[in-house]
Amino acid sequence: THRDLAEEVRAGRFREDLFYRLAVVRVRLPALRERR
């Protein structure tokens, strides 16, 4: 996802239990400007 799912959970747009089921291992890919 390109969204911050934790924030989506707080906003009520994504189920918390599904988030934790998907985010067993949570990996953020850095933007290109962060690794010039």
Full PDB file with SEQRES, HELIX, SHEET, SSBOND, CRYST1, ORIGX, SCALE, CONECT and MASTER records, all heavy atoms in Angstrom:
SEQRES   1 A   36  THR HIS ARG ASP LEU ALA GLU GLU VAL ARG ALA GLY ARG          
SEQRES   2 A   36  PHE ARG GLU ASP LEU PHE TYR ARG LEU ALA VAL VAL ARG          
SEQRES   3 A   36  VAL ARG LEU PRO ALA LEU ARG GLU ARG ARG                      
HELIX    1 AA1 LEU A    5  ARG A   10  1                                   6    
HELIX    2 AA2 GLU A   16  LEU A   22  1                                   7    
HELIX    3 AA3 LEU A   32  ARG A   35  5                                   4    
CRYST1    1.000    1.000    1.000  90.00  90.00  90.00 P 1           1          
ORIGX1      1.000000  0.000000  0.000000        0.00000                         
ORIGX2      0.000000  1.000000  0.000000        0.00000                         
ORIGX3      0.000000  0.000000  1.000000        0.00000                         
SCALE1      1.000000  0.000000  0.000000        0.00000                         
SCALE2      0.000000  1.000000  0.000000        0.00000                         
SCALE3      0.000000  0.000000  1.000000        0.00000                         
ATOM      1  N   THR A   1       0.836  -1.198   0.000  1.00  0.00           N  
ATOM      2  CA  THR A   1       0.000   0.000   0.000  1.00  0.00           C  
ATOM      3  C   THR A   1       0.871   1.247   0.000  1.00  0.00           C  
ATOM      4  O   THR A   1       1.972   1.246   0.555  1.00  0.00           O  
ATOM      5  CB  THR A   1      -0.930   0.027   1.227  1.00  0.00           C  
ATOM      6  OG1 THR A   1      -1.706   1.229   1.215  1.00  0.00           O  
ATOM      7  CG2 THR A   1      -0.130  -0.025   2.518  1.00  0.00           C  
ATOM      8  N   HIS A   2       0.359   2.316  -0.625  1.00  0.00           N  
ATOM      9  CA  HIS A   2       1.044   3.610  -0.545  1.00  0.00           C  
ATOM     10  C   HIS A   2       0.509   4.420   0.636  1.00  0.00           C  
ATOM     11  O   HIS A   2       1.037   5.477   0.961  1.00  0.00           O  
ATOM     12  CB  HIS A   2       0.857   4.407  -1.841  1.00  0.00           C  
ATOM     13  CG  HIS A   2      -0.520   4.989  -2.003  1.00  0.00           C  
ATOM     14  ND1 HIS A   2      -1.601   4.251  -2.422  1.00  0.00           N  
ATOM     15  CD2 HIS A   2      -0.994   6.245  -1.783  1.00  0.00           C  
ATOM     16  CE1 HIS A   2      -2.676   5.029  -2.459  1.00  0.00           C  
ATOM     17  NE2 HIS A   2      -2.328   6.243  -2.075  1.00  0.00           N  
ATOM     18  N   ARG A   3      -0.528   3.914   1.291  1.00  0.00           N  
ATOM     19  CA  ARG A   3      -1.118   4.601   2.438  1.00  0.00           C  
ATOM     20  C   ARG A   3      -0.428   4.196   3.738  1.00  0.00           C  
ATOM     21  O   ARG A   3       0.197   3.144   3.819  1.00  0.00           O  
ATOM     22  CB  ARG A   3      -2.616   4.294   2.544  1.00  0.00           C  
ATOM     23  CG  ARG A   3      -3.424   4.750   1.341  1.00  0.00           C  
ATOM     24  CD  ARG A   3      -4.903   4.510   1.577  1.00  0.00           C  
ATOM     25  NE  ARG A   3      -5.699   4.898   0.424  1.00  0.00           N  
ATOM     26  CZ  ARG A   3      -6.101   6.143   0.186  1.00  0.00           C  
ATOM     27  NH1 ARG A   3      -5.789   7.106   1.036  1.00  0.00           N  
ATOM     28  NH2 ARG A   3      -6.827   6.421  -0.884  1.00  0.00           N  
ATOM     29  N   ASP A   4      -0.562   5.025   4.762  1.00  0.00           N  
ATOM     30  CA  ASP A   4      -0.146   4.672   6.109  1.00  0.00           C  
ATOM     31  C   ASP A   4      -1.333   3.950   6.737  1.00  0.00           C  
ATOM     32  O   ASP A   4      -2.302   4.578   7.180  1.00  0.00           O  
ATOM     33  CB  ASP A   4       0.216   5.936   6.897  1.00  0.00           C  
ATOM     34  CG  ASP A   4       0.687   5.628   8.313  1.00  0.00           C  
ATOM     35  OD1 ASP A   4       0.384   4.522   8.811  1.00  0.00           O  
ATOM     36  OD2 ASP A   4       1.335   6.487   8.919  1.00  0.00           O  
ATOM     37  N   LEU A   5      -1.286   2.614   6.764  1.00  0.00           N  
ATOM     38  CA  LEU A   5      -2.448   1.846   7.222  1.00  0.00           C  
ATOM     39  C   LEU A   5      -2.745   2.083   8.705  1.00  0.00           C  
ATOM     40  O   LEU A   5      -3.903   2.017   9.114  1.00  0.00           O  
ATOM     41  CB  LEU A   5      -2.242   0.353   6.960  1.00  0.00           C  
ATOM     42  CG  LEU A   5      -2.450  -0.126   5.510  1.00  0.00           C  
ATOM     43  CD1 LEU A   5      -2.576  -1.650   5.483  1.00  0.00           C  
ATOM     44  CD2 LEU A   5      -3.668   0.518   4.863  1.00  0.00           C  
ATOM     45  N   ALA A   6      -1.706   2.368   9.489  1.00  0.00           N  
ATOM     46  CA  ALA A   6      -1.964   2.663  10.903  1.00  0.00           C  
ATOM     47  C   ALA A   6      -2.826   3.913  11.025  1.00  0.00           C  
ATOM     48  O   ALA A   6      -3.753   3.980  11.850  1.00  0.00           O  
ATOM     49  CB  ALA A   6      -0.647   2.848  11.658  1.00  0.00           C  
ATOM     50  N   GLU A   7      -2.554   4.917  10.190  1.00  0.00           N  
ATOM     51  CA  GLU A   7      -3.370   6.134  10.198  1.00  0.00           C  
ATOM     52  C   GLU A   7      -4.764   5.844   9.656  1.00  0.00           C  
ATOM     53  O   GLU A   7      -5.763   6.402  10.143  1.00  0.00           O  
ATOM     54  CB  GLU A   7      -2.690   7.220   9.357  1.00  0.00           C  
ATOM     55  CG  GLU A   7      -3.463   8.532   9.272  1.00  0.00           C  
ATOM     56  CD  GLU A   7      -3.638   9.216  10.619  1.00  0.00           C  
ATOM     57  OE1 GLU A   7      -2.796   8.997  11.525  1.00  0.00           O  
ATOM     58  OE2 GLU A   7      -4.619   9.959  10.780  1.00  0.00           O  
ATOM     59  N   GLU A   8      -4.866   4.961   8.649  1.00  0.00           N  
ATOM     60  CA  GLU A   8      -6.172   4.578   8.101  1.00  0.00           C  
ATOM     61  C   GLU A   8      -7.013   3.889   9.180  1.00  0.00           C  
ATOM     62  O   GLU A   8      -8.226   4.073   9.237  1.00  0.00           O  
ATOM     63  CB  GLU A   8      -5.985   3.644   6.903  1.00  0.00           C  
ATOM     64  CG  GLU A   8      -5.328   4.286   5.692  1.00  0.00           C  
ATOM     65  CD  GLU A   8      -6.171   5.398   5.097  1.00  0.00           C  
ATOM     66  OE1 GLU A   8      -7.261   5.111   4.590  1.00  0.00           O  
ATOM     67  OE2 GLU A   8      -5.740   6.567   5.174  1.00  0.00           O  
ATOM     68  N   VAL A   9      -6.355   3.103  10.028  1.00  0.00           N  
ATOM     69  CA  VAL A   9      -7.063   2.459  11.143  1.00  0.00           C  
ATOM     70  C   VAL A   9      -7.599   3.513  12.100  1.00  0.00           C  
ATOM     71  O   VAL A   9      -8.766   3.481  12.515  1.00  0.00           O  
ATOM     72  CB  VAL A   9      -6.128   1.476  11.884  1.00  0.00           C  
ATOM     73  CG1 VAL A   9      -6.776   1.003  13.191  1.00  0.00           C  
ATOM     74  CG2 VAL A   9      -5.811   0.275  10.996  1.00  0.00           C  
ATOM     75  N   ARG A  10      -6.757   4.486  12.458  1.00  0.00           N  
ATOM     76  CA  ARG A  10      -7.180   5.544  13.378  1.00  0.00           C  
ATOM     77  C   ARG A  10      -8.336   6.352  12.804  1.00  0.00           C  
ATOM     78  O   ARG A  10      -9.207   6.825  13.532  1.00  0.00           O  
ATOM     79  CB  ARG A  10      -5.997   6.460  13.702  1.00  0.00           C  
ATOM     80  CG  ARG A  10      -4.990   5.864  14.654  1.00  0.00           C  
ATOM     81  CD  ARG A  10      -3.992   6.884  15.146  1.00  0.00           C  
ATOM     82  NE  ARG A  10      -3.043   7.263  14.106  1.00  0.00           N  
ATOM     83  CZ  ARG A  10      -1.903   6.619  13.876  1.00  0.00           C  
ATOM     84  NH1 ARG A  10      -1.588   5.560  14.598  1.00  0.00           N  
ATOM     85  NH2 ARG A  10      -1.086   7.031  12.924  1.00  0.00           N  
ATOM     86  N   ALA A  11      -8.347   6.503  11.463  1.00  0.00           N  
ATOM     87  CA  ALA A  11      -9.404   7.284  10.811  1.00  0.00           C  
ATOM     88  C   ALA A  11     -10.665   6.461  10.564  1.00  0.00           C  
ATOM     89  O   ALA A  11     -11.663   6.992  10.066  1.00  0.00           O  
ATOM     90  CB  ALA A  11      -8.884   7.851   9.489  1.00  0.00           C  
ATOM     91  N   GLY A  12     -10.629   5.167  10.905  1.00  0.00           N  
ATOM     92  CA  GLY A  12     -11.807   4.324  10.734  1.00  0.00           C  
ATOM     93  C   GLY A  12     -12.023   3.823   9.321  1.00  0.00           C  
ATOM     94  O   GLY A  12     -13.091   3.303   9.002  1.00  0.00           O  
ATOM     95  N   ARG A  13     -10.996   3.930   8.476  1.00  0.00           N  
ATOM     96  CA  ARG A  13     -11.137   3.488   7.085  1.00  0.00           C  
ATOM     97  C   ARG A  13     -10.558   2.097   6.841  1.00  0.00           C  
ATOM     98  O   ARG A  13     -10.688   1.561   5.748  1.00  0.00           O  
ATOM     99  CB  ARG A  13     -10.457   4.497   6.151  1.00  0.00           C  
ATOM    100  CG  ARG A  13     -11.150   5.856   6.100  1.00  0.00           C  
ATOM    101  CD  ARG A  13     -10.513   6.752   5.063  1.00  0.00           C  
ATOM    102  NE  ARG A  13      -9.164   7.153   5.433  1.00  0.00           N  
ATOM    103  CZ  ARG A  13      -8.861   8.283   6.057  1.00  0.00           C  
ATOM    104  NH1 ARG A  13      -9.828   9.131   6.400  1.00  0.00           N  
ATOM    105  NH2 ARG A  13      -7.607   8.586   6.354  1.00  0.00           N  
ATOM    106  N   PHE A  14      -9.916   1.543   7.860  1.00  0.00           N  
ATOM    107  CA  PHE A  14      -9.344   0.205   7.712  1.00  0.00           C  
ATOM    108  C   PHE A  14      -9.460  -0.513   9.046  1.00  0.00           C  
ATOM    109  O   PHE A  14      -9.225   0.069  10.119  1.00  0.00           O  
ATOM    110  CB  PHE A  14      -7.870   0.291   7.297  1.00  0.00           C  
ATOM    111  CG  PHE A  14      -7.352  -0.948   6.621  1.00  0.00           C  
ATOM    112  CD1 PHE A  14      -7.552  -1.145   5.267  1.00  0.00           C  
ATOM    113  CD2 PHE A  14      -6.675  -1.920   7.347  1.00  0.00           C  
ATOM    114  CE1 PHE A  14      -7.082  -2.295   4.639  1.00  0.00           C  
ATOM    115  CE2 PHE A  14      -6.205  -3.076   6.734  1.00  0.00           C  
ATOM    116  CZ  PHE A  14      -6.405  -3.260   5.361  1.00  0.00           C  
ATOM    117  N   ARG A  15      -9.821  -1.792   8.985  1.00  0.00           N  
ATOM    118  CA  ARG A  15     -10.046  -2.572  10.202  1.00  0.00           C  
ATOM    119  C   ARG A  15      -8.736  -2.822  10.932  1.00  0.00           C  
ATOM    120  O   ARG A  15      -7.736  -3.243  10.330  1.00  0.00           O  
ATOM    121  CB  ARG A  15     -10.706  -3.905   9.866  1.00  0.00           C  
ATOM    122  CG  ARG A  15     -12.152  -3.790   9.431  1.00  0.00           C  
ATOM    123  CD  ARG A  15     -12.706  -5.175   9.151  1.00  0.00           C  
ATOM    124  NE  ARG A  15     -12.663  -6.028  10.332  1.00  0.00           N  
ATOM    125  CZ  ARG A  15     -13.734  -6.385  11.040  1.00  0.00           C  
ATOM    126  NH1 ARG A  15     -14.925  -5.926  10.690  1.00  0.00           N  
ATOM    127  NH2 ARG A  15     -13.619  -7.179  12.081  1.00  0.00           N  
ATOM    128  N   GLU A  16      -8.764  -2.604  12.237  1.00  0.00           N  
ATOM    129  CA  GLU A  16      -7.557  -2.796  13.037  1.00  0.00           C  
ATOM    130  C   GLU A  16      -7.121  -4.252  13.046  1.00  0.00           C  
ATOM    131  O   GLU A  16      -5.926  -4.560  12.930  1.00  0.00           O  
ATOM    132  CB  GLU A  16      -7.807  -2.310  14.470  1.00  0.00           C  
ATOM    133  CG  GLU A  16      -6.577  -2.387  15.359  1.00  0.00           C  
ATOM    134  CD  GLU A  16      -6.836  -1.809  16.739  1.00  0.00           C  
ATOM    135  OE1 GLU A  16      -8.013  -1.799  17.166  1.00  0.00           O  
ATOM    136  OE2 GLU A  16      -5.865  -1.376  17.390  1.00  0.00           O  
ATOM    137  N   ASP A  17      -8.076  -5.178  13.170  1.00  0.00           N  
ATOM    138  CA  ASP A  17      -7.708  -6.594  13.233  1.00  0.00           C  
ATOM    139  C   ASP A  17      -7.106  -7.066  11.912  1.00  0.00           C  
ATOM    140  O   ASP A  17      -6.166  -7.873  11.891  1.00  0.00           O  
ATOM    141  CB  ASP A  17      -8.903  -7.469  13.637  1.00  0.00           C  
ATOM    142  CG  ASP A  17     -10.176  -7.133  12.882  1.00  0.00           C  
ATOM    143  OD1 ASP A  17     -10.134  -6.310  11.942  1.00  0.00           O  
ATOM    144  OD2 ASP A  17     -11.248  -7.681  13.244  1.00  0.00           O  
ATOM    145  N   LEU A  18      -7.598  -6.544  10.782  1.00  0.00           N  
ATOM    146  CA  LEU A  18      -7.026  -6.910   9.490  1.00  0.00           C  
ATOM    147  C   LEU A  18      -5.618  -6.321   9.341  1.00  0.00           C  
ATOM    148  O   LEU A  18      -4.714  -6.976   8.803  1.00  0.00           O  
ATOM    149  CB  LEU A  18      -7.929  -6.426   8.358  1.00  0.00           C  
ATOM    150  CG  LEU A  18      -7.418  -6.696   6.937  1.00  0.00           C  
ATOM    151  CD1 LEU A  18      -7.163  -8.183   6.702  1.00  0.00           C  
ATOM    152  CD2 LEU A  18      -8.410  -6.160   5.904  1.00  0.00           C  
ATOM    153  N   PHE A  19      -5.449  -5.098   9.821  1.00  0.00           N  
ATOM    154  CA  PHE A  19      -4.130  -4.469   9.760  1.00  0.00           C  
ATOM    155  C   PHE A  19      -3.093  -5.337  10.465  1.00  0.00           C  
ATOM    156  O   PHE A  19      -2.013  -5.613   9.931  1.00  0.00           O  
ATOM    157  CB  PHE A  19      -4.183  -3.076  10.392  1.00  0.00           C  
ATOM    158  CG  PHE A  19      -2.830  -2.462  10.641  1.00  0.00           C  
ATOM    159  CD1 PHE A  19      -2.021  -2.064   9.593  1.00  0.00           C  
ATOM    160  CD2 PHE A  19      -2.372  -2.301  11.945  1.00  0.00           C  
ATOM    161  CE1 PHE A  19      -0.771  -1.505   9.825  1.00  0.00           C  
ATOM    162  CE2 PHE A  19      -1.127  -1.734  12.188  1.00  0.00           C  
ATOM    163  CZ  PHE A  19      -0.329  -1.342  11.125  1.00  0.00           C  
ATOM    164  N   TYR A  20      -3.401  -5.796  11.682  1.00  0.00           N  
ATOM    165  CA  TYR A  20      -2.439  -6.594  12.430  1.00  0.00           C  
ATOM    166  C   TYR A  20      -2.224  -7.968  11.790  1.00  0.00           C  
ATOM    167  O   TYR A  20      -1.128  -8.535  11.889  1.00  0.00           O  
ATOM    168  CB  TYR A  20      -2.885  -6.738  13.888  1.00  0.00           C  
ATOM    169  CG  TYR A  20      -2.695  -5.462  14.667  1.00  0.00           C  
ATOM    170  CD1 TYR A  20      -3.779  -4.797  15.239  1.00  0.00           C  
ATOM    171  CD2 TYR A  20      -1.430  -4.901  14.829  1.00  0.00           C  
ATOM    172  CE1 TYR A  20      -3.596  -3.612  15.944  1.00  0.00           C  
ATOM    173  CE2 TYR A  20      -1.252  -3.718  15.530  1.00  0.00           C  
ATOM    174  CZ  TYR A  20      -2.336  -3.072  16.080  1.00  0.00           C  
ATOM    175  OH  TYR A  20      -2.155  -1.900  16.764  1.00  0.00           O  
ATOM    176  N   ARG A  21      -3.245  -8.495  11.138  1.00  0.00           N  
ATOM    177  CA  ARG A  21      -3.090  -9.764  10.448  1.00  0.00           C  
ATOM    178  C   ARG A  21      -2.152  -9.623   9.241  1.00  0.00           C  
ATOM    179  O   ARG A  21      -1.359 -10.522   8.939  1.00  0.00           O  
ATOM    180  CB  ARG A  21      -4.467 -10.278  10.010  1.00  0.00           C  
ATOM    181  CG  ARG A  21      -4.446 -11.514   9.125  1.00  0.00           C  
ATOM    182  CD  ARG A  21      -3.774 -12.687   9.776  1.00  0.00           C  
ATOM    183  NE  ARG A  21      -4.468 -13.134  10.982  1.00  0.00           N  
ATOM    184  CZ  ARG A  21      -4.077 -14.170  11.726  1.00  0.00           C  
ATOM    185  NH1 ARG A  21      -2.988 -14.835  11.388  1.00  0.00           N  
ATOM    186  NH2 ARG A  21      -4.735 -14.507  12.797  1.00  0.00           N  
ATOM    187  N   LEU A  22      -2.225  -8.477   8.553  1.00  0.00           N  
ATOM    188  CA  LEU A  22      -1.367  -8.253   7.381  1.00  0.00           C  
ATOM    189  C   LEU A  22       0.042  -7.824   7.766  1.00  0.00           C  
ATOM    190  O   LEU A  22       1.016  -8.156   7.090  1.00  0.00           O  
ATOM    191  CB  LEU A  22      -1.985  -7.178   6.476  1.00  0.00           C  
ATOM    192  CG  LEU A  22      -3.298  -7.537   5.781  1.00  0.00           C  
ATOM    193  CD1 LEU A  22      -3.867  -6.313   5.077  1.00  0.00           C  
ATOM    194  CD2 LEU A  22      -3.091  -8.676   4.788  1.00  0.00           C  
ATOM    195  N   ALA A  23       0.166  -7.041   8.847  1.00  0.00           N  
ATOM    196  CA  ALA A  23       1.449  -6.440   9.220  1.00  0.00           C  
ATOM    197  C   ALA A  23       2.231  -7.318  10.187  1.00  0.00           C  
ATOM    198  O   ALA A  23       2.796  -6.824  11.169  1.00  0.00           O  
ATOM    199  CB  ALA A  23       1.218  -5.060   9.817  1.00  0.00           C  
ATOM    200  N   VAL A  24       2.291  -8.616   9.924  1.00  0.00           N  
ATOM    201  CA  VAL A  24       3.107  -9.495  10.761  1.00  0.00           C  
ATOM    202  C   VAL A  24       4.565  -9.036  10.676  1.00  0.00           C  
ATOM    203  O   VAL A  24       5.263  -8.893  11.673  1.00  0.00           O  
ATOM    204  CB  VAL A  24       2.963 -10.963  10.316  1.00  0.00           C  
ATOM    205  CG1 VAL A  24       3.856 -11.861  11.174  1.00  0.00           C  
ATOM    206  CG2 VAL A  24       1.509 -11.408  10.404  1.00  0.00           C  
ATOM    207  N   VAL A  25       5.019  -8.796   9.451  1.00  0.00           N  
ATOM    208  CA  VAL A  25       6.291  -8.109   9.224  1.00  0.00           C  
ATOM    209  C   VAL A  25       5.967  -6.888   8.375  1.00  0.00           C  
ATOM    210  O   VAL A  25       5.410  -7.007   7.274  1.00  0.00           O  
ATOM    211  CB  VAL A  25       7.317  -9.003   8.506  1.00  0.00           C  
ATOM    212  CG1 VAL A  25       8.569  -8.191   8.138  1.00  0.00           C  
ATOM    213  CG2 VAL A  25       7.699 -10.186   9.383  1.00  0.00           C  
ATOM    214  N   ARG A  26       6.301  -5.729   8.878  1.00  0.00           N  
ATOM    215  CA  ARG A  26       5.954  -4.466   8.215  1.00  0.00           C  
ATOM    216  C   ARG A  26       7.245  -3.814   7.705  1.00  0.00           C  
ATOM    217  O   ARG A  26       8.147  -3.518   8.484  1.00  0.00           O  
ATOM    218  CB  ARG A  26       5.256  -3.558   9.224  1.00  0.00           C  
ATOM    219  CG  ARG A  26       4.632  -2.300   8.661  1.00  0.00           C  
ATOM    220  CD  ARG A  26       3.952  -1.557   9.801  1.00  0.00           C  
ATOM    221  NE  ARG A  26       3.365  -0.297   9.390  1.00  0.00           N  
ATOM    222  CZ  ARG A  26       2.881   0.602  10.233  1.00  0.00           C  
ATOM    223  NH1 ARG A  26       2.918   0.356  11.537  1.00  0.00           N  
ATOM    224  NH2 ARG A  26       2.356   1.732   9.782  1.00  0.00           N  
ATOM    225  N   VAL A  27       7.331  -3.631   6.396  1.00  0.00           N  
ATOM    226  CA  VAL A  27       8.548  -3.103   5.775  1.00  0.00           C  
ATOM    227  C   VAL A  27       8.203  -1.830   5.005  1.00  0.00           C  
ATOM    228  O   VAL A  27       7.330  -1.860   4.124  1.00  0.00           O  
ATOM    229  CB  VAL A  27       9.187  -4.129   4.814  1.00  0.00           C  
ATOM    230  CG1 VAL A  27      10.427  -3.540   4.140  1.00  0.00           C  
ATOM    231  CG2 VAL A  27       9.544  -5.406   5.569  1.00  0.00           C  
ATOM    232  N   ARG A  28       8.882  -0.759   5.335  1.00  0.00           N  
ATOM    233  CA  ARG A  28       8.684   0.505   4.601  1.00  0.00           C  
ATOM    234  C   ARG A  28       9.792   0.668   3.580  1.00  0.00           C  
ATOM    235  O   ARG A  28      10.977   0.607   3.913  1.00  0.00           O  
ATOM    236  CB  ARG A  28       8.700   1.696   5.564  1.00  0.00           C  
ATOM    237  CG  ARG A  28       8.563   3.039   4.854  1.00  0.00           C  
ATOM    238  CD  ARG A  28       8.726   4.195   5.819  1.00  0.00           C  
ATOM    239  NE  ARG A  28       8.780   5.465   5.105  1.00  0.00           N  
ATOM    240  CZ  ARG A  28       9.892   5.987   4.584  1.00  0.00           C  
ATOM    241  NH1 ARG A  28      11.048   5.345   4.715  1.00  0.00           N  
ATOM    242  NH2 ARG A  28       9.869   7.133   3.947  1.00  0.00           N  
ATOM    243  N   LEU A  29       9.409   0.884   2.320  1.00  0.00           N  
ATOM    244  CA  LEU A  29      10.395   1.109   1.266  1.00  0.00           C  
ATOM    245  C   LEU A  29      10.692   2.604   1.181  1.00  0.00           C  
ATOM    246  O   LEU A  29       9.767   3.414   1.051  1.00  0.00           O  
ATOM    247  CB  LEU A  29       9.872   0.591  -0.075  1.00  0.00           C  
ATOM    248  CG  LEU A  29       9.504  -0.894  -0.123  1.00  0.00           C  
ATOM    249  CD1 LEU A  29       9.163  -1.302  -1.549  1.00  0.00           C  
ATOM    250  CD2 LEU A  29      10.623  -1.754   0.429  1.00  0.00           C  
ATOM    251  N   PRO A  30      11.953   2.996   1.247  1.00  0.00           N  
ATOM    252  CA  PRO A  30      12.285   4.425   1.234  1.00  0.00           C  
ATOM    253  C   PRO A  30      11.993   5.059  -0.113  1.00  0.00           C  
ATOM    254  O   PRO A  30      12.106   4.415  -1.162  1.00  0.00           O  
ATOM    255  CB  PRO A  30      13.783   4.440   1.540  1.00  0.00           C  
ATOM    256  CG  PRO A  30      14.279   3.106   1.091  1.00  0.00           C  
ATOM    257  CD  PRO A  30      13.151   2.153   1.352  1.00  0.00           C  
ATOM    258  N   ALA A  31      11.612   6.327  -0.078  1.00  0.00           N  
ATOM    259  CA  ALA A  31      11.436   7.093  -1.318  1.00  0.00           C  
ATOM    260  C   ALA A  31      12.800   7.311  -1.961  1.00  0.00           C  
ATOM    261  O   ALA A  31      13.838   7.263  -1.291  1.00  0.00           O  
ATOM    262  CB  ALA A  31      10.774   8.430  -1.001  1.00  0.00           C  
ATOM    263  N   LEU A  32      12.812   7.571  -3.260  1.00  0.00           N  
ATOM    264  CA  LEU A  32      14.071   7.735  -3.978  1.00  0.00           C  
ATOM    265  C   LEU A  32      14.858   8.932  -3.441  1.00  0.00           C  
ATOM    266  O   LEU A  32      16.085   8.886  -3.383  1.00  0.00           O  
ATOM    267  CB  LEU A  32      13.803   7.888  -5.474  1.00  0.00           C  
ATOM    268  CG  LEU A  32      15.025   7.874  -6.397  1.00  0.00           C  
ATOM    269  CD1 LEU A  32      15.875   6.622  -6.180  1.00  0.00           C  
ATOM    270  CD2 LEU A  32      14.589   7.975  -7.858  1.00  0.00           C  
ATOM    271  N   ARG A  33      14.171   9.989  -3.044  1.00  0.00           N  
ATOM    272  CA  ARG A  33      14.873  11.168  -2.523  1.00  0.00           C  
ATOM    273  C   ARG A  33      15.556  10.877  -1.187  1.00  0.00           C  
ATOM    274  O   ARG A  33      16.421  11.639  -0.748  1.00  0.00           O  
ATOM    275  CB  ARG A  33      13.901  12.337  -2.364  1.00  0.00           C  
ATOM    276  CG  ARG A  33      12.777  12.072  -1.388  1.00  0.00           C  
ATOM    277  CD  ARG A  33      11.776  13.200  -1.325  1.00  0.00           C  
ATOM    278  NE  ARG A  33      10.623  12.832  -0.538  1.00  0.00           N  
ATOM    279  CZ  ARG A  33       9.573  12.164  -1.034  1.00  0.00           C  
ATOM    280  NH1 ARG A  33       9.553  11.820  -2.305  1.00  0.00           N  
ATOM    281  NH2 ARG A  33       8.546  11.847  -0.257  1.00  0.00           N  
ATOM    282  N   GLU A  34      15.172   9.768  -0.530  1.00  0.00           N  
ATOM    283  CA  GLU A  34      15.792   9.384   0.730  1.00  0.00           C  
ATOM    284  C   GLU A  34      17.055   8.557   0.512  1.00  0.00           C  
ATOM    285  O   GLU A  34      17.777   8.263   1.469  1.00  0.00           O  
ATOM    286  CB  GLU A  34      14.808   8.571   1.586  1.00  0.00           C  
ATOM    287  CG  GLU A  34      13.549   9.323   1.965  1.00  0.00           C  
ATOM    288  CD  GLU A  34      12.539   8.418   2.645  1.00  0.00           C  
ATOM    289  OE1 GLU A  34      12.955   7.440   3.304  1.00  0.00           O  
ATOM    290  OE2 GLU A  34      11.327   8.676   2.519  1.00  0.00           O  
ATOM    291  N   ARG A  35      17.297   8.170  -0.725  1.00  0.00           N  
ATOM    292  CA  ARG A  35      18.480   7.356  -1.032  1.00  0.00           C  
ATOM    293  C   ARG A  35      19.100   7.816  -2.353  1.00  0.00           C  
ATOM    294  O   ARG A  35      19.262   7.042  -3.291  1.00  0.00           O  
ATOM    295  CB  ARG A  35      18.108   5.874  -1.082  1.00  0.00           C  
ATOM    296  CG  ARG A  35      16.955   5.513  -2.025  1.00  0.00           C  
ATOM    297  CD  ARG A  35      16.684   4.023  -1.962  1.00  0.00           C  
ATOM    298  NE  ARG A  35      15.731   3.543  -2.938  1.00  0.00           N  
ATOM    299  CZ  ARG A  35      16.038   2.691  -3.930  1.00  0.00           C  
ATOM    300  NH1 ARG A  35      17.266   2.265  -4.089  1.00  0.00           N  
ATOM    301  NH2 ARG A  35      15.112   2.281  -4.768  1.00  0.00           N  
ATOM    302  N   ARG A  36      19.413   9.104  -2.391  1.00  0.00           N  
ATOM    303  CA  ARG A  36      19.920   9.704  -3.625  1.00  0.00           C  
ATOM    304  C   ARG A  36      21.193   9.029  -4.120  1.00  0.00           C  
ATOM    305  O   ARG A  36      21.470   9.039  -5.325  1.00  0.00           O  
ATOM    306  CB  ARG A  36      20.171  11.197  -3.413  1.00  0.00           C  
ATOM    307  CG  ARG A  36      18.902  12.010  -3.209  1.00  0.00           C  
ATOM    308  CD  ARG A  36      19.179  13.491  -3.087  1.00  0.00           C  
ATOM    309  NE  ARG A  36      17.974  14.224  -2.765  1.00  0.00           N  
ATOM    310  CZ  ARG A  36      17.071  14.608  -3.663  1.00  0.00           C  
ATOM    311  NH1 ARG A  36      17.272  14.343  -4.933  1.00  0.00           N  
ATOM    312  NH2 ARG A  36      15.994  15.259  -3.282  1.00  0.00           N  
TER     313      ARG A  36                                                      
MASTER        0    0    0    3    0    0    0    6  312    1    0    3          
END                                                                             
